[in-house]
Amino acid sequence: MLSLVIPVAFALVAAAVAMNFWRLLRGPSAPDRILALDTLYVNTIALLVLLGIHLGSALYFEAALLIALMGFVGTVALCKYLLRGDIIE
């Protein structure tokens, strides 16, 4: 059953990544682009976790944790820049 579900999940998450990338390029405003970037890294984490399950390797889970950490910090920095015009106070 898992051998059937993993490729379907790959395809659906890849479609979500493509739609997020489209919103990142075409977003009408900066907050829309930041939200698309935030969702893009979440979907990338999902792809890495699926790949880790598919290959049976824990290395991909560690990479997903690193991307989650960098994505969170990046989102906070971009939002701070939009609100205040400066990242470091």
N, C-alpha and C. Protein backbone atom coordinates (compact mmCIF):
# COMPACT_ATOMS: atom_id res chain seq x y z
N MET A 1 0.82 -1.20 0.00
CA MET A 1 0.00 0.00 0.00
C MET A 1 0.87 1.26 0.00
N LEU A 2 1.97 1.23 0.76
CA LEU A 2 2.85 2.40 0.84
C LEU A 2 3.52 2.68 -0.50
N SER A 3 3.79 1.63 -1.27
CA SER A 3 4.41 1.83 -2.58
C SER A 3 3.46 2.51 -3.56
N LEU A 4 2.18 2.51 -3.28
CA LEU A 4 1.21 3.21 -4.12
C LEU A 4 0.97 4.64 -3.64
N VAL A 5 1.00 4.83 -2.35
CA VAL A 5 0.67 6.13 -1.77
C VAL A 5 1.81 7.14 -1.93
N ILE A 6 3.05 6.70 -1.79
CA ILE A 6 4.20 7.62 -1.85
C ILE A 6 4.29 8.34 -3.20
N PRO A 7 4.19 7.66 -4.35
CA PRO A 7 4.25 8.41 -5.62
C PRO A 7 3.09 9.39 -5.81
N VAL A 8 1.91 9.02 -5.31
CA VAL A 8 0.76 9.94 -5.40
C VAL A 8 1.03 11.17 -4.53
N ALA A 9 1.56 10.96 -3.34
CA ALA A 9 1.88 12.08 -2.45
C ALA A 9 2.97 12.96 -3.06
N PHE A 10 3.99 12.33 -3.69
CA PHE A 10 5.02 13.10 -4.39
C PHE A 10 4.39 14.00 -5.45
N ALA A 11 3.49 13.44 -6.24
CA ALA A 11 2.87 14.20 -7.33
C ALA A 11 2.03 15.36 -6.80
N LEU A 12 1.27 15.12 -5.74
CA LEU A 12 0.41 16.17 -5.20
C LEU A 12 1.23 17.29 -4.54
N VAL A 13 2.26 16.93 -3.81
CA VAL A 13 3.10 17.95 -3.18
C VAL A 13 3.90 18.70 -4.24
N ALA A 14 4.34 18.01 -5.29
CA ALA A 14 5.05 18.69 -6.38
C ALA A 14 4.12 19.68 -7.09
N ALA A 15 2.86 19.31 -7.25
CA ALA A 15 1.90 20.26 -7.84
C ALA A 15 1.71 21.47 -6.93
N ALA A 16 1.68 21.25 -5.62
CA ALA A 16 1.57 22.36 -4.68
C ALA A 16 2.80 23.26 -4.75
N VAL A 17 3.98 22.66 -4.91
CA VAL A 17 5.21 23.46 -5.04
C VAL A 17 5.14 24.30 -6.31
N ALA A 18 4.66 23.73 -7.39
CA ALA A 18 4.55 24.48 -8.65
C ALA A 18 3.58 25.66 -8.50
N MET A 19 2.46 25.43 -7.85
CA MET A 19 1.49 26.52 -7.65
C MET A 19 2.05 27.60 -6.73
N ASN A 20 2.80 27.20 -5.69
CA ASN A 20 3.42 28.19 -4.80
C ASN A 20 4.48 28.99 -5.53
N PHE A 21 5.24 28.33 -6.39
CA PHE A 21 6.25 29.04 -7.15
C PHE A 21 5.60 30.05 -8.10
N TRP A 22 4.47 29.68 -8.67
CA TRP A 22 3.74 30.59 -9.55
C TRP A 22 3.27 31.82 -8.76
N ARG A 23 2.76 31.60 -7.56
CA ARG A 23 2.31 32.73 -6.73
C ARG A 23 3.49 33.57 -6.31
N LEU A 24 4.65 32.95 -6.09
CA LEU A 24 5.85 33.70 -5.72
C LEU A 24 6.26 34.63 -6.85
N LEU A 25 6.14 34.18 -8.08
CA LEU A 25 6.51 35.01 -9.22
C LEU A 25 5.45 36.06 -9.56
N ARG A 26 4.18 35.71 -9.44
CA ARG A 26 3.10 36.58 -9.88
C ARG A 26 2.39 37.33 -8.76
N GLY A 27 2.83 37.15 -7.52
CA GLY A 27 2.14 37.77 -6.40
C GLY A 27 1.94 39.26 -6.58
N PRO A 28 0.73 39.75 -6.36
CA PRO A 28 0.49 41.17 -6.57
C PRO A 28 1.17 42.07 -5.54
N SER A 29 1.45 41.54 -4.37
CA SER A 29 2.08 42.38 -3.34
C SER A 29 3.16 41.58 -2.61
N ALA A 30 3.95 42.29 -1.84
CA ALA A 30 5.04 41.66 -1.09
C ALA A 30 4.54 40.66 -0.04
N PRO A 31 3.47 40.96 0.70
CA PRO A 31 2.99 39.95 1.66
C PRO A 31 2.53 38.66 0.97
N ASP A 32 1.95 38.76 -0.22
CA ASP A 32 1.57 37.55 -0.95
C ASP A 32 2.80 36.73 -1.32
N ARG A 33 3.85 37.39 -1.70
CA ARG A 33 5.09 36.69 -2.05
C ARG A 33 5.74 36.05 -0.83
N ILE A 34 5.70 36.73 0.30
CA ILE A 34 6.26 36.16 1.53
C ILE A 34 5.46 34.94 1.96
N LEU A 35 4.15 35.01 1.86
CA LEU A 35 3.31 33.87 2.20
C LEU A 35 3.58 32.69 1.26
N ALA A 36 3.77 32.99 -0.03
CA ALA A 36 4.10 31.93 -0.99
C ALA A 36 5.45 31.31 -0.67
N LEU A 37 6.42 32.12 -0.28
CA LEU A 37 7.73 31.60 0.08
C LEU A 37 7.65 30.73 1.33
N ASP A 38 6.85 31.16 2.30
CA ASP A 38 6.65 30.40 3.52
C ASP A 38 6.02 29.04 3.21
N THR A 39 5.00 29.04 2.39
CA THR A 39 4.34 27.79 2.01
C THR A 39 5.25 26.93 1.15
N LEU A 40 6.10 27.56 0.36
CA LEU A 40 7.03 26.82 -0.49
C LEU A 40 8.04 26.03 0.36
N TYR A 41 8.54 26.63 1.40
CA TYR A 41 9.49 25.87 2.21
C TYR A 41 8.79 24.78 3.01
N VAL A 42 7.53 24.99 3.40
CA VAL A 42 6.79 23.92 4.08
C VAL A 42 6.57 22.74 3.14
N ASN A 43 6.25 23.03 1.88
CA ASN A 43 6.07 21.95 0.90
C ASN A 43 7.39 21.26 0.59
N THR A 44 8.48 22.01 0.61
CA THR A 44 9.80 21.40 0.40
C THR A 44 10.12 20.45 1.55
N ILE A 45 9.75 20.82 2.75
CA ILE A 45 9.94 19.94 3.90
C ILE A 45 9.12 18.66 3.71
N ALA A 46 7.89 18.80 3.23
CA ALA A 46 7.06 17.63 2.98
C ALA A 46 7.69 16.72 1.93
N LEU A 47 8.26 17.31 0.89
CA LEU A 47 8.93 16.50 -0.13
C LEU A 47 10.13 15.76 0.44
N LEU A 48 10.91 16.43 1.28
CA LEU A 48 12.06 15.77 1.88
C LEU A 48 11.65 14.64 2.82
N VAL A 49 10.59 14.84 3.57
CA VAL A 49 10.12 13.79 4.47
C VAL A 49 9.61 12.60 3.66
N LEU A 50 8.88 12.87 2.59
CA LEU A 50 8.42 11.79 1.73
C LEU A 50 9.59 11.03 1.11
N LEU A 51 10.61 11.77 0.69
CA LEU A 51 11.79 11.12 0.12
C LEU A 51 12.52 10.28 1.17
N GLY A 52 12.58 10.77 2.39
CA GLY A 52 13.19 10.01 3.47
C GLY A 52 12.43 8.73 3.78
N ILE A 53 11.10 8.80 3.73
CA ILE A 53 10.29 7.59 3.94
C ILE A 53 10.50 6.62 2.79
N HIS A 54 10.52 7.15 1.58
CA HIS A 54 10.67 6.30 0.39
C HIS A 54 12.02 5.59 0.36
N LEU A 55 13.08 6.30 0.71
CA LEU A 55 14.42 5.72 0.66
C LEU A 55 14.84 5.06 1.98
N GLY A 56 14.11 5.32 3.05
CA GLY A 56 14.44 4.75 4.34
C GLY A 56 15.70 5.34 4.96
N SER A 57 15.94 6.63 4.73
CA SER A 57 17.14 7.28 5.23
C SER A 57 16.77 8.41 6.19
N ALA A 58 17.47 8.47 7.30
CA ALA A 58 17.21 9.52 8.29
C ALA A 58 17.87 10.84 7.91
N LEU A 59 18.76 10.83 6.95
CA LEU A 59 19.45 12.04 6.54
C LEU A 59 18.49 13.09 6.01
N TYR A 60 17.46 12.67 5.32
CA TYR A 60 16.50 13.61 4.75
C TYR A 60 15.65 14.28 5.83
N PHE A 61 15.42 13.58 6.94
CA PHE A 61 14.68 14.18 8.04
C PHE A 61 15.50 15.28 8.70
N GLU A 62 16.80 15.07 8.81
CA GLU A 62 17.66 16.11 9.36
C GLU A 62 17.72 17.32 8.45
N ALA A 63 17.76 17.09 7.14
CA ALA A 63 17.74 18.19 6.18
C ALA A 63 16.42 18.95 6.27
N ALA A 64 15.32 18.23 6.48
CA ALA A 64 14.01 18.89 6.63
C ALA A 64 13.98 19.77 7.87
N LEU A 65 14.60 19.32 8.95
CA LEU A 65 14.66 20.14 10.16
C LEU A 65 15.48 21.41 9.94
N LEU A 66 16.59 21.30 9.23
CA LEU A 66 17.40 22.48 8.94
C LEU A 66 16.65 23.47 8.05
N ILE A 67 15.94 22.97 7.06
CA ILE A 67 15.17 23.86 6.19
C ILE A 67 14.04 24.53 6.97
N ALA A 68 13.42 23.80 7.89
CA ALA A 68 12.37 24.39 8.71
C ALA A 68 12.91 25.53 9.57
N LEU A 69 14.08 25.32 10.14
CA LEU A 69 14.69 26.35 10.98
C LEU A 69 15.04 27.58 10.16
N MET A 70 15.69 27.38 9.02
CA MET A 70 16.07 28.52 8.17
C MET A 70 14.85 29.21 7.58
N GLY A 71 13.83 28.44 7.25
CA GLY A 71 12.61 29.04 6.71
C GLY A 71 11.90 29.91 7.72
N PHE A 72 11.84 29.45 8.96
CA PHE A 72 11.21 30.24 10.00
C PHE A 72 11.94 31.55 10.23
N VAL A 73 13.26 31.47 10.35
CA VAL A 73 14.06 32.68 10.58
C VAL A 73 13.94 33.63 9.39
N GLY A 74 13.94 33.09 8.18
CA GLY A 74 13.79 33.92 6.99
C GLY A 74 12.45 34.61 6.92
N THR A 75 11.39 33.90 7.27
CA THR A 75 10.05 34.49 7.26
C THR A 75 9.93 35.60 8.29
N VAL A 76 10.48 35.38 9.47
CA VAL A 76 10.45 36.42 10.50
C VAL A 76 11.23 37.65 10.06
N ALA A 77 12.39 37.43 9.46
CA ALA A 77 13.21 38.56 9.01
C ALA A 77 12.51 39.34 7.90
N LEU A 78 11.90 38.66 6.95
CA LEU A 78 11.19 39.36 5.88
C LEU A 78 9.99 40.13 6.39
N CYS A 79 9.25 39.54 7.32
CA CYS A 79 8.10 40.25 7.89
C CYS A 79 8.54 41.47 8.70
N LYS A 80 9.62 41.33 9.43
CA LYS A 80 10.13 42.48 10.18
C LYS A 80 10.59 43.59 9.24
N TYR A 81 11.19 43.20 8.13
CA TYR A 81 11.64 44.19 7.16
C TYR A 81 10.44 44.91 6.53
N LEU A 82 9.38 44.18 6.24
CA LEU A 82 8.19 44.82 5.67
C LEU A 82 7.51 45.76 6.65
N LEU A 83 7.47 45.37 7.91
CA LEU A 83 6.78 46.20 8.90
C LEU A 83 7.58 47.43 9.32
N ARG A 84 8.89 47.28 9.50
CA ARG A 84 9.68 48.37 10.05
C ARG A 84 10.69 48.95 9.08
N GLY A 85 10.99 48.24 8.01
CA GLY A 85 12.00 48.73 7.07
C GLY A 85 13.43 48.42 7.51
N ASP A 86 13.56 47.73 8.64
CA ASP A 86 14.87 47.37 9.17
C ASP A 86 14.74 46.04 9.88
N ILE A 87 15.76 45.22 9.77
CA ILE A 87 15.70 43.90 10.41
C ILE A 87 16.29 43.95 11.82
N ILE A 88 17.42 44.61 11.96
CA ILE A 88 18.08 44.68 13.26
C ILE A 88 17.74 46.01 13.90
N GLU A 89 17.29 45.95 15.13
CA GLU A 89 16.86 47.17 15.82
C GLU A 89 18.02 47.90 16.43
